[in-house]
C-alpha atoms as a PDB file:
ATOM      1  CA  MET A   1      -9.184  19.663   8.508  1.00  0.00           C
ATOM      2  CA  LYS A   2      -9.078  22.227  11.302  1.00  0.00           C
ATOM      3  CA  LYS A   3      -6.064  24.510  11.169  1.00  0.00           C
ATOM      4  CA  MET A   4      -3.967  24.616  14.306  1.00  0.00           C
ATOM      5  CA  LEU A   5      -3.173  27.893  15.986  1.00  0.00           C
ATOM      6  CA  LEU A   6       0.514  28.454  16.639  1.00  0.00           C
ATOM      7  CA  VAL A   7       1.555  31.368  18.837  1.00  0.00           C
ATOM      8  CA  MET A   8       5.224  32.232  19.178  1.00  0.00           C
ATOM      9  CA  ALA A   9       6.939  34.151  21.967  1.00  0.00           C
ATOM     10  CA  ALA A  10      10.371  35.144  23.251  1.00  0.00           C
ATOM     11  CA  GLY A  11      10.325  35.585  27.006  1.00  0.00           C
ATOM     12  CA  ALA A  12       7.165  37.568  27.706  1.00  0.00           C
ATOM     13  CA  LEU A  13       6.844  38.917  24.165  1.00  0.00           C
ATOM     14  CA  VAL A  14       4.258  37.298  21.922  1.00  0.00           C
ATOM     15  CA  ALA A  15       4.626  37.637  18.158  1.00  0.00           C
ATOM     16  CA  ALA A  16       1.308  38.358  16.493  1.00  0.00           C
ATOM     17  CA  GLY A  17       0.396  36.270  13.492  1.00  0.00           C
ATOM     18  CA  SER A  18       0.062  32.680  12.343  1.00  0.00           C
ATOM     19  CA  ALA A  19       2.493  29.803  11.822  1.00  0.00           C
ATOM     20  CA  GLN A  20       3.887  31.164   8.562  1.00  0.00           C
ATOM     21  CA  ALA A  21       7.626  31.716   8.151  1.00  0.00           C
ATOM     22  CA  ASP A  22       7.425  35.489   7.803  1.00  0.00           C
ATOM     23  CA  THR A  23       5.978  35.866  11.309  1.00  0.00           C
ATOM     24  CA  VAL A  24       8.871  34.223  13.151  1.00  0.00           C
ATOM     25  CA  THR A  25      10.933  37.151  14.349  1.00  0.00           C
ATOM     26  CA  SER A  26      13.040  36.225  17.366  1.00  0.00           C
ATOM     27  CA  VAL A  27      15.460  33.638  18.727  1.00  0.00           C
ATOM     28  CA  ASN A  28      14.669  31.083  21.429  1.00  0.00           C
ATOM     29  CA  VAL A  29      11.090  31.084  20.253  1.00  0.00           C
ATOM     30  CA  VAL A  30       8.519  29.167  22.254  1.00  0.00           C
ATOM     31  CA  GLY A  31       4.900  28.613  21.456  1.00  0.00           C
ATOM     32  CA  TYR A  32       1.922  26.325  21.429  1.00  0.00           C
ATOM     33  CA  TYR A  33      -0.664  24.872  19.136  1.00  0.00           C
ATOM     34  CA  ASN A  34      -4.163  23.612  19.780  1.00  0.00           C
ATOM     35  CA  VAL A  35      -5.423  20.292  18.449  1.00  0.00           C
ATOM     36  CA  THR A  36      -9.147  19.563  18.270  1.00  0.00           C
ATOM     37  CA  LEU A  37     -10.002  15.940  19.100  1.00  0.00           C
ATOM     38  CA  PRO A  38     -13.507  14.959  17.948  1.00  0.00           C
ATOM     39  CA  PRO A  39     -15.024  11.882  19.604  1.00  0.00           C
ATOM     40  CA  ALA A  40     -14.599   8.457  17.977  1.00  0.00           C
ATOM     41  CA  SER A  41     -11.958   9.711  15.566  1.00  0.00           C
ATOM     42  CA  LEU A  42      -8.462   8.905  14.361  1.00  0.00           C
ATOM     43  CA  LEU A  43      -5.903  11.671  13.863  1.00  0.00           C
ATOM     44  CA  MET A  44      -2.335  11.414  12.545  1.00  0.00           C
ATOM     45  CA  LEU A  45      -0.231  13.763  14.652  1.00  0.00           C
ATOM     46  CA  SER A  46       3.403  14.689  15.219  1.00  0.00           C
ATOM     47  CA  ALA A  47       5.476  16.726  17.654  1.00  0.00           C
ATOM     48  CA  PRO A  48       7.012  19.684  15.758  1.00  0.00           C
ATOM     49  CA  LEU A  49       7.778  21.592  18.966  1.00  0.00           C
ATOM     50  CA  LEU A  50      10.566  20.558  21.330  1.00  0.00           C
ATOM     51  CA  ASN A  51       8.968  19.686  24.646  1.00  0.00           C
ATOM     52  CA  PHE A  52      10.359  21.442  27.735  1.00  0.00           C
ATOM     53  CA  GLN A  53      10.040  18.438  30.031  1.00  0.00           C
ATOM     54  CA  GLY A  54      11.056  15.662  27.651  1.00  0.00           C
ATOM     55  CA  ALA A  55       9.628  13.992  24.587  1.00  0.00           C
ATOM     56  CA  THR A  56       7.261  11.247  25.720  1.00  0.00           C
ATOM     57  CA  LEU A  57       3.493  11.102  25.283  1.00  0.00           C
ATOM     58  CA  ALA A  58       3.036  12.000  28.941  1.00  0.00           C
ATOM     59  CA  ASP A  59       5.322  15.025  28.493  1.00  0.00           C
ATOM     60  CA  MET A  60       3.455  16.145  25.392  1.00  0.00           C
ATOM     61  CA  PHE A  61      -0.153  15.731  26.527  1.00  0.00           C
ATOM     62  CA  GLY A  62      -0.035  15.676  30.337  1.00  0.00           C
ATOM     63  CA  ASP A  63      -3.545  15.156  31.686  1.00  0.00           C
ATOM     64  CA  GLN A  64      -5.409  16.804  28.805  1.00  0.00           C
ATOM     65  CA  LEU A  65      -6.569  13.763  26.852  1.00  0.00           C
ATOM     66  CA  PRO A  66     -10.081  12.322  27.060  1.00  0.00           C
ATOM     67  CA  ASP A  67     -10.432   9.296  29.284  1.00  0.00           C
ATOM     68  CA  GLY A  68      -9.876   6.131  27.250  1.00  0.00           C
ATOM     69  CA  THR A  69      -7.704   7.679  24.520  1.00  0.00           C
ATOM     70  CA  LYS A  70      -5.415   5.278  22.637  1.00  0.00           C
ATOM     71  CA  VAL A  71      -2.141   6.279  20.969  1.00  0.00           C
ATOM     72  CA  TYR A  72      -0.221   4.271  18.367  1.00  0.00           C
ATOM     73  CA  ILE A  73       3.375   5.370  17.726  1.00  0.00           C
ATOM     74  CA  TRP A  74       5.008   4.186  14.510  1.00  0.00           C
ATOM     75  CA  ASP A  75       8.370   2.726  15.519  1.00  0.00           C
ATOM     76  CA  ARG A  76      10.803   2.594  12.568  1.00  0.00           C
ATOM     77  CA  ALA A  77      13.562   1.211  14.798  1.00  0.00           C
ATOM     78  CA  LYS A  78      11.804  -2.126  15.185  1.00  0.00           C
ATOM     79  CA  THR A  79      12.330  -4.932  12.655  1.00  0.00           C
ATOM     80  CA  PRO A  80       9.936  -4.949  10.975  1.00  0.00           C
ATOM     81  CA  ALA A  81       8.661  -1.445  11.728  1.00  0.00           C
ATOM     82  CA  GLN A  82       5.458  -1.582  13.770  1.00  0.00           C
ATOM     83  CA  TYR A  83       3.247   0.260  16.215  1.00  0.00           C
ATOM     84  CA  SER A  84       3.908   0.732  19.897  1.00  0.00           C
ATOM     85  CA  SER A  85       0.634   1.433  21.695  1.00  0.00           C
ATOM     86  CA  ALA A  86      -0.232   3.442  24.781  1.00  0.00           C
ATOM     87  CA  SER A  87      -3.447   4.300  26.596  1.00  0.00           C
ATOM     88  CA  TYR A  88      -4.587   7.140  28.837  1.00  0.00           C
ATOM     89  CA  GLN A  89      -6.976   7.190  31.787  1.00  0.00           C
ATOM     90  CA  SER A  90      -7.928  10.361  33.618  1.00  0.00           C
ATOM     91  CA  THR A  91      -6.537  11.078  37.065  1.00  0.00           C
ATOM     92  CA  PRO A  92      -8.246   8.961  39.741  1.00  0.00           C
ATOM     93  CA  PRO A  93      -9.206  10.582  43.078  1.00  0.00           C
ATOM     94  CA  PHE A  94      -6.279  11.336  45.400  1.00  0.00           C
ATOM     95  CA  VAL A  95      -3.669  10.368  42.776  1.00  0.00           C
ATOM     96  CA  PRO A  96      -1.577  13.343  41.623  1.00  0.00           C
ATOM     97  CA  THR A  97      -0.697  12.100  38.152  1.00  0.00           C
ATOM     98  CA  PRO A  98      -2.708  10.748  35.217  1.00  0.00           C
ATOM     99  CA  VAL A  99      -2.569   7.048  34.522  1.00  0.00           C
ATOM    100  CA  TRP A 100      -0.799   5.981  31.347  1.00  0.00           C
ATOM    101  CA  GLY A 101      -0.361   2.430  30.158  1.00  0.00           C
ATOM    102  CA  GLY A 102       1.710   0.717  27.488  1.00  0.00           C
ATOM    103  CA  SER A 103       4.501   2.470  25.590  1.00  0.00           C
ATOM    104  CA  TYR A 104       3.819   5.977  26.864  1.00  0.00           C
ATOM    105  CA  THR A 105       7.520   6.493  27.704  1.00  0.00           C
ATOM    106  CA  ASN A 106       8.599   6.086  24.077  1.00  0.00           C
ATOM    107  CA  MET A 107      10.482   9.156  22.876  1.00  0.00           C
ATOM    108  CA  LEU A 108       8.810  11.323  20.211  1.00  0.00           C
ATOM    109  CA  LEU A 109      11.466  12.893  17.998  1.00  0.00           C
ATOM    110  CA  PRO A 110      11.051  15.543  15.288  1.00  0.00           C
ATOM    111  CA  GLY A 111       9.899  13.764  12.145  1.00  0.00           C
ATOM    112  CA  ASP A 112       8.059  10.979  13.978  1.00  0.00           C
ATOM    113  CA  GLY A 113       4.349  10.389  13.611  1.00  0.00           C
ATOM    114  CA  PHE A 114       1.604   8.654  15.558  1.00  0.00           C
ATOM    115  CA  PHE A 115      -2.118   7.916  15.521  1.00  0.00           C
ATOM    116  CA  ILE A 116      -4.365   9.116  18.304  1.00  0.00           C
ATOM    117  CA  LYS A 117      -7.768   7.421  18.695  1.00  0.00           C
ATOM    118  CA  THR A 118     -10.380   9.205  20.757  1.00  0.00           C
ATOM    119  CA  PRO A 119     -13.146   7.442  22.703  1.00  0.00           C
ATOM    120  CA  SER A 120     -16.835   7.550  21.764  1.00  0.00           C
ATOM    121  CA  SER A 121     -17.675  10.026  24.509  1.00  0.00           C
ATOM    122  CA  GLY A 122     -19.704  12.462  22.420  1.00  0.00           C
ATOM    123  CA  ILE A 123     -17.454  15.292  23.584  1.00  0.00           C
ATOM    124  CA  THR A 124     -15.012  17.244  21.405  1.00  0.00           C
ATOM    125  CA  ASN A 125     -11.828  18.025  23.300  1.00  0.00           C
ATOM    126  CA  THR A 126      -9.104  20.563  22.561  1.00  0.00           C
ATOM    127  CA  VAL A 127      -5.582  19.928  23.822  1.00  0.00           C
ATOM    128  CA  THR A 128      -2.747  22.443  23.921  1.00  0.00           C
ATOM    129  CA  ILE A 129       0.778  21.330  23.058  1.00  0.00           C
ATOM    130  CA  MET A 130       3.638  23.593  24.119  1.00  0.00           C
ATOM    131  CA  GLY A 131       7.347  23.669  23.379  1.00  0.00           C
ATOM    132  CA  GLU A 132      10.272  25.418  21.773  1.00  0.00           C
ATOM    133  CA  ILE A 133      10.482  26.001  18.032  1.00  0.00           C
ATOM    134  CA  PRO A 134      13.393  24.032  16.511  1.00  0.00           C
ATOM    135  CA  ALA A 135      16.171  26.490  15.664  1.00  0.00           C
ATOM    136  CA  ILE A 136      19.949  26.881  15.644  1.00  0.00           C
ATOM    137  CA  GLU A 137      19.975  27.577  19.383  1.00  0.00           C
ATOM    138  CA  ASN A 138      18.707  24.077  20.219  1.00  0.00           C
ATOM    139  CA  ASP A 139      20.541  22.096  17.509  1.00  0.00           C
ATOM    140  CA  TYR A 140      17.400  21.217  15.549  1.00  0.00           C
ATOM    141  CA  ALA A 141      17.697  23.807  12.771  1.00  0.00           C
ATOM    142  CA  THR A 142      18.512  20.827  10.545  1.00  0.00           C
ATOM    143  CA  ASN A 143      16.712  17.574  11.238  1.00  0.00           C
ATOM    144  CA  VAL A 144      17.324  14.096   9.838  1.00  0.00           C
ATOM    145  CA  VAL A 145      14.587  11.466   9.735  1.00  0.00           C
ATOM    146  CA  SER A 146      16.576   8.268   9.291  1.00  0.00           C
ATOM    147  CA  ASN A 147      15.919   4.710   8.144  1.00  0.00           C
ATOM    148  CA  LEU A 148      13.009   5.285   5.791  1.00  0.00           C
ATOM    149  CA  SER A 149      12.463   2.050   3.892  1.00  0.00           C
ATOM    150  CA  GLY A 150       9.240   0.875   2.291  1.00  0.00           C
ATOM    151  CA  LEU A 151       6.173   2.379   3.971  1.00  0.00           C
ATOM    152  CA  ASN A 152       6.665   4.658   6.979  1.00  0.00           C
ATOM    153  CA  MET A 153       4.757   7.259   8.951  1.00  0.00           C
ATOM    154  CA  VAL A 154       6.680  10.550   9.055  1.00  0.00           C
ATOM    155  CA  SER A 155       6.097  14.254   9.615  1.00  0.00           C
ATOM    156  CA  TYR A 156       7.611  17.592   8.669  1.00  0.00           C
ATOM    157  CA  SER A 157       9.932  18.479  11.543  1.00  0.00           C
ATOM    158  CA  PHE A 158       9.049  22.161  11.891  1.00  0.00           C
ATOM    159  CA  PRO A 159       5.923  23.976  13.181  1.00  0.00           C
ATOM    160  CA  VAL A 160       4.774  25.435   9.866  1.00  0.00           C
ATOM    161  CA  ASP A 161       2.507  24.235   7.080  1.00  0.00           C
ATOM    162  CA  VAL A 162       4.511  23.050   4.075  1.00  0.00           C
ATOM    163  CA  VAL A 163       3.637  22.219   0.476  1.00  0.00           C
ATOM    164  CA  PHE A 164       4.877  18.663   0.020  1.00  0.00           C
ATOM    165  CA  THR A 165       6.792  19.339  -3.215  1.00  0.00           C
ATOM    166  CA  ASN A 166       8.724  22.092  -1.419  1.00  0.00           C
ATOM    167  CA  THR A 167      10.397  19.494   0.817  1.00  0.00           C
ATOM    168  CA  THR A 168      13.667  17.704   0.142  1.00  0.00           C
ATOM    169  CA  LEU A 169      11.762  14.451   0.674  1.00  0.00           C
ATOM    170  CA  ALA A 170       9.715  15.090  -2.466  1.00  0.00           C
ATOM    171  CA  ALA A 171      12.896  15.901  -4.405  1.00  0.00           C
ATOM    172  CA  ASN A 172      14.327  12.436  -3.756  1.00  0.00           C
ATOM    173  CA  PRO A 173      13.567  10.256  -6.829  1.00  0.00           C
ATOM    174  CA  ASP A 174      13.200   7.154  -4.630  1.00  0.00           C
ATOM    175  CA  VAL A 175      10.158   8.628  -2.880  1.00  0.00           C
ATOM    176  CA  GLN A 176       7.135   7.193  -4.684  1.00  0.00           C
ATOM    177  CA  VAL A 177       3.864   7.880  -2.871  1.00  0.00           C
ATOM    178  CA  ILE A 178       2.477   9.736   0.125  1.00  0.00           C
ATOM    179  CA  TYR A 179      -0.816   9.002   1.882  1.00  0.00           C
ATOM    180  CA  GLN A 180      -2.456  11.864   3.752  1.00  0.00           C
ATOM    181  CA  TRP A 181      -5.143  11.263   6.375  1.00  0.00           C
ATOM    182  CA  ASN A 182      -8.397  13.220   6.039  1.00  0.00           C
ATOM    183  CA  GLU A 183      -9.746  13.866   9.531  1.00  0.00           C
ATOM    184  CA  GLN A 184     -13.255  14.691   8.307  1.00  0.00           C
ATOM    185  CA  THR A 185     -13.823  11.607   6.122  1.00  0.00           C
ATOM    186  CA  GLN A 186     -11.479   9.326   8.115  1.00  0.00           C
ATOM    187  CA  THR A 187      -9.936   8.098   4.858  1.00  0.00           C
ATOM    188  CA  TYR A 188      -6.628   8.487   3.014  1.00  0.00           C
ATOM    189  CA  SER A 189      -5.849  10.700   0.036  1.00  0.00           C
ATOM    190  CA  THR A 190      -3.091   9.357  -2.235  1.00  0.00           C
ATOM    191  CA  TYR A 191      -0.473  11.477  -4.020  1.00  0.00           C
ATOM    192  CA  ALA A 192       1.907   9.519  -6.268  1.00  0.00           C
ATOM    193  CA  ARG A 193       4.674  10.133  -8.778  1.00  0.00           C
ATOM    194  CA  GLN A 194       3.587   9.784 -12.369  1.00  0.00           C
ATOM    195  CA  ALA A 195       4.842   7.026 -14.636  1.00  0.00           C
ATOM    196  CA  ALA A 196       7.643   7.848 -17.080  1.00  0.00           C
ATOM    197  CA  GLY A 197       9.604   6.252 -19.926  1.00  0.00           C
ATOM    198  CA  PHE A 198       8.563   3.826 -22.639  1.00  0.00           C
ATOM    199  CA  PRO A 199       7.090   1.559 -21.661  1.00  0.00           C
ATOM    200  CA  PRO A 200       6.016   3.756 -18.718  1.00  0.00           C
ATOM    201  CA  VAL A 201       7.430   2.801 -15.331  1.00  0.00           C
ATOM    202  CA  PRO A 202       5.145   3.596 -12.358  1.00  0.00           C
ATOM    203  CA  PHE A 203       6.417   6.127  -9.795  1.00  0.00           C
ATOM    204  CA  SER A 204       9.451   7.088 -11.940  1.00  0.00           C
ATOM    205  CA  GLY A 205       8.302  10.480 -13.216  1.00  0.00           C
ATOM    206  CA  ASN A 206       7.452  13.865 -11.751  1.00  0.00           C
ATOM    207  CA  TRP A 207       4.903  14.623  -9.076  1.00  0.00           C
ATOM    208  CA  PRO A 208       1.545  15.736 -10.512  1.00  0.00           C
ATOM    209  CA  ALA A 209       0.268  19.288 -10.191  1.00  0.00           C
ATOM    210  CA  GLY A 210      -1.609  20.333  -7.098  1.00  0.00           C
ATOM    211  CA  SER A 211       0.774  19.164  -4.376  1.00  0.00           C
ATOM    212  CA  PRO A 212      -0.961  18.756  -1.025  1.00  0.00           C
ATOM    213  CA  THR A 213      -0.119  20.914   1.971  1.00  0.00           C
ATOM    214  CA  ILE A 214       1.136  19.104   5.067  1.00  0.00           C
ATOM    215  CA  PRO A 215      -0.373  20.997   8.031  1.00  0.00           C
ATOM    216  CA  ALA A 216       1.876  21.723  10.994  1.00  0.00           C
ATOM    217  CA  GLY A 217       1.700  18.959  13.566  1.00  0.00           C
ATOM    218  CA  ARG A 218       0.192  16.382  11.195  1.00  0.00           C
ATOM    219  CA  ALA A 219       1.889  13.175  10.043  1.00  0.00           C
ATOM    220  CA  PHE A 220       1.578  11.258   6.774  1.00  0.00           C
ATOM    221  CA  TRP A 221       2.725   7.990   5.217  1.00  0.00           C
ATOM    222  CA  VAL A 222       5.552   7.858   2.680  1.00  0.00           C
ATOM    223  CA  LYS A 223       6.500   4.937   0.427  1.00  0.00           C
ATOM    224  CA  THR A 224      10.115   4.688  -0.734  1.00  0.00           C
ATOM    225  CA  ALA A 225      11.785   2.452  -3.308  1.00  0.00           C
ATOM    226  CA  THR A 226      15.009   2.194  -1.281  1.00  0.00           C
ATOM    227  CA  SER A 227      16.296   2.935   2.193  1.00  0.00           C
ATOM    228  CA  LEU A 228      16.983   6.635   2.673  1.00  0.00           C
ATOM    229  CA  ASP A 229      17.398   9.442   5.201  1.00  0.00           C
ATOM    230  CA  TRP A 230      15.352  12.638   4.985  1.00  0.00           C
ATOM    231  CA  THR A 231      17.269  15.820   5.812  1.00  0.00           C
ATOM    232  CA  GLU A 232      15.312  19.068   6.147  1.00  0.00           C
ATOM    233  CA  VAL A 233      16.394  22.574   7.186  1.00  0.00           C
ATOM    234  CA  ALA A 234      14.059  24.884   9.115  1.00  0.00           C
ATOM    235  CA  PRO A 235      12.483  27.242   6.570  1.00  0.00           C
ATOM    236  CA  TYR A 236      12.282  30.266   8.873  1.00  0.00           C
ATOM    237  CA  LEU A 237      15.914  30.663  10.020  1.00  0.00           C
ATOM    238  CA  ASN A 238      16.449  33.958   8.161  1.00  0.00           C
ATOM    239  CA  ASN A 239      13.610  35.459  10.200  1.00  0.00           C
ATOM    240  CA  LEU A 240      14.869  34.476  13.649  1.00  0.00           C
END
């Protein structure tokens, strides 16, 4: 899985370094990350930066996507939860804006996730996503991902890589399994709670060793035994 580059700045000052917590050194931090989109591929993405213009697909990607790209947003608010789909076509001649279709005006909030499916064009594209890093100044230092019940696509709300077992989501005993998408093999990797008790009850024990890392800007599936809300605090606040 290609690692995304995240560059942070305050005004005209750019902080050198990567997306790790110890490199975030100023308030009102803005930045960007690059996402590589191979042809004929599925990627599970999220929006960990707060978009300046809004929070729709069109706001996030603009006119950068390959012609014929499809996007599938997981909508937890629907009953039952389901996908809302959107499509992108490049800008036609003499038309100033790209052409989106479907649910491209759906809002993308911190903690949401979506699939992006690239066309079989034979071309690898790189898109740049810009925004503000969630912090106290913009009321997203603490984020709540609500209404998680059963199987849902979610994401870590902040623009840093995180070891799954370091999240409050993993600490909740009702969280049973996560499924992480492998962009190279186009398959899922499963990480589940161990069985506990006698007789052993599946998903009732501790997480196994070797917790996966959730890369910044990538989503994953989580399976819960009950309905719950996931509350997470930005890990870098002491360095702002």
